Amino acid sequence: MSLFKKVAQFAKSPQGRMVINQAKKYASDPKNKHKIDQVKNKLFGKGGHR
């Protein structure tokens, strides 16, 4: 089974849905959104301190 199929299967499971809901709740917090944006920008080279 491919990795993508395994991930998709997990996402459809009760545990997967719980993890997805927790991630959405975490990402919706303004403080955490700022942290996520900082990491994303650092990874993709936009405004990262090097």
N, C-alpha and C. Protein backbone atom coordinates (compact mmCIF):
# COMPACT_ATOMS: atom_id res chain seq x y z
N MET A 1 0.85 -1.18 0.00
CA MET A 1 0.00 0.00 0.00
C MET A 1 0.90 1.24 0.00
N SER A 2 0.55 2.22 -0.83
CA SER A 2 1.36 3.42 -0.92
C SER A 2 1.20 4.29 0.34
N LEU A 3 2.15 5.15 0.54
CA LEU A 3 2.12 6.03 1.71
C LEU A 3 0.88 6.93 1.65
N PHE A 4 0.56 7.45 0.46
CA PHE A 4 -0.60 8.33 0.32
C PHE A 4 -1.88 7.60 0.72
N LYS A 5 -2.00 6.35 0.31
CA LYS A 5 -3.21 5.58 0.65
C LYS A 5 -3.29 5.34 2.16
N LYS A 6 -2.14 5.11 2.78
CA LYS A 6 -2.13 4.91 4.23
C LYS A 6 -2.54 6.17 4.96
N VAL A 7 -2.05 7.31 4.49
CA VAL A 7 -2.40 8.60 5.11
C VAL A 7 -3.89 8.86 4.92
N ALA A 8 -4.39 8.61 3.71
CA ALA A 8 -5.82 8.83 3.43
C ALA A 8 -6.68 7.92 4.30
N GLN A 9 -6.25 6.68 4.45
CA GLN A 9 -7.00 5.73 5.28
C GLN A 9 -7.00 6.19 6.74
N PHE A 10 -5.87 6.66 7.23
CA PHE A 10 -5.79 7.15 8.61
C PHE A 10 -6.69 8.37 8.79
N ALA A 11 -6.70 9.27 7.81
CA ALA A 11 -7.50 10.49 7.91
C ALA A 11 -8.99 10.18 8.00
N LYS A 12 -9.40 9.07 7.45
CA LYS A 12 -10.82 8.68 7.48
C LYS A 12 -11.20 7.95 8.76
N SER A 13 -10.19 7.50 9.52
CA SER A 13 -10.46 6.76 10.74
C SER A 13 -10.87 7.71 11.86
N PRO A 14 -11.51 7.18 12.91
CA PRO A 14 -11.88 8.05 14.05
C PRO A 14 -10.66 8.75 14.66
N GLN A 15 -9.55 8.03 14.79
CA GLN A 15 -8.34 8.65 15.35
C GLN A 15 -7.82 9.75 14.43
N GLY A 16 -7.86 9.50 13.13
CA GLY A 16 -7.40 10.49 12.17
C GLY A 16 -8.25 11.75 12.20
N ARG A 17 -9.56 11.58 12.29
CA ARG A 17 -10.46 12.74 12.37
C ARG A 17 -10.19 13.54 13.64
N MET A 18 -9.89 12.84 14.74
CA MET A 18 -9.59 13.52 15.99
C MET A 18 -8.31 14.36 15.85
N VAL A 19 -7.28 13.78 15.23
CA VAL A 19 -6.02 14.49 15.04
C VAL A 19 -6.22 15.70 14.12
N ILE A 20 -7.01 15.53 13.07
CA ILE A 20 -7.28 16.63 12.15
C ILE A 20 -8.01 17.76 12.88
N ASN A 21 -8.99 17.42 13.70
CA ASN A 21 -9.73 18.44 14.45
C ASN A 21 -8.82 19.18 15.43
N GLN A 22 -7.91 18.44 16.09
CA GLN A 22 -6.97 19.08 17.01
C GLN A 22 -6.05 20.04 16.24
N ALA A 23 -5.59 19.63 15.07
CA ALA A 23 -4.70 20.48 14.27
C ALA A 23 -5.43 21.74 13.81
N LYS A 24 -6.69 21.61 13.42
CA LYS A 24 -7.47 22.77 13.00
C LYS A 24 -7.67 23.73 14.17
N LYS A 25 -7.94 23.20 15.35
CA LYS A 25 -8.13 24.03 16.53
C LYS A 25 -6.83 24.76 16.87
N TYR A 26 -5.71 24.05 16.80
CA TYR A 26 -4.41 24.65 17.09
C TYR A 26 -4.11 25.75 16.08
N ALA A 27 -4.35 25.49 14.81
CA ALA A 27 -4.02 26.44 13.75
C ALA A 27 -4.93 27.67 13.77
N SER A 28 -6.10 27.56 14.37
CA SER A 28 -7.02 28.69 14.37
C SER A 28 -6.68 29.72 15.46
N ASP A 29 -5.86 29.35 16.43
CA ASP A 29 -5.44 30.27 17.48
C ASP A 29 -4.47 31.29 16.87
N PRO A 30 -4.72 32.60 17.03
CA PRO A 30 -3.86 33.62 16.42
C PRO A 30 -2.38 33.50 16.79
N LYS A 31 -2.08 33.15 18.04
CA LYS A 31 -0.68 32.99 18.45
C LYS A 31 -0.02 31.85 17.68
N ASN A 32 -0.73 30.75 17.59
CA ASN A 32 -0.18 29.59 16.89
C ASN A 32 -0.09 29.85 15.39
N LYS A 33 -1.06 30.58 14.85
CA LYS A 33 -1.03 30.91 13.42
C LYS A 33 0.23 31.72 13.11
N HIS A 34 0.60 32.64 14.00
CA HIS A 34 1.81 33.42 13.80
C HIS A 34 3.05 32.51 13.81
N LYS A 35 3.09 31.57 14.74
CA LYS A 35 4.21 30.63 14.82
C LYS A 35 4.29 29.79 13.55
N ILE A 36 3.15 29.31 13.08
CA ILE A 36 3.10 28.49 11.86
C ILE A 36 3.60 29.30 10.68
N ASP A 37 3.16 30.56 10.58
CA ASP A 37 3.60 31.42 9.48
C ASP A 37 5.10 31.66 9.53
N GLN A 38 5.66 31.83 10.74
CA GLN A 38 7.10 32.04 10.87
C GLN A 38 7.87 30.82 10.36
N VAL A 39 7.44 29.64 10.75
CA VAL A 39 8.12 28.41 10.33
C VAL A 39 7.98 28.23 8.82
N LYS A 40 6.78 28.47 8.31
CA LYS A 40 6.54 28.33 6.87
C LYS A 40 7.43 29.30 6.09
N ASN A 41 7.51 30.55 6.55
CA ASN A 41 8.33 31.54 5.86
C ASN A 41 9.81 31.18 5.94
N LYS A 42 10.24 30.65 7.06
CA LYS A 42 11.63 30.25 7.22
C LYS A 42 11.96 29.09 6.28
N LEU A 43 11.05 28.14 6.17
CA LEU A 43 11.28 26.98 5.30
C LEU A 43 11.33 27.38 3.83
N PHE A 44 10.50 28.32 3.45
CA PHE A 44 10.42 28.71 2.05
C PHE A 44 11.21 29.98 1.73
N GLY A 45 11.99 30.47 2.69
CA GLY A 45 12.90 31.56 2.46
C GLY A 45 12.30 32.94 2.41
N LYS A 46 11.13 33.12 2.97
CA LYS A 46 10.50 34.45 2.96
C LYS A 46 10.63 35.06 4.35
N GLY A 47 11.58 35.94 4.52
CA GLY A 47 11.73 36.65 5.78
C GLY A 47 12.42 35.85 6.87
N GLY A 48 12.98 34.71 6.55
CA GLY A 48 13.68 33.93 7.56
C GLY A 48 15.01 34.56 7.90
N HIS A 49 15.45 34.41 9.13
CA HIS A 49 16.73 34.97 9.57
C HIS A 49 17.78 33.90 9.37
N ARG A 50 18.77 34.21 8.54
CA ARG A 50 19.81 33.21 8.24
C ARG A 50 21.16 33.73 8.58
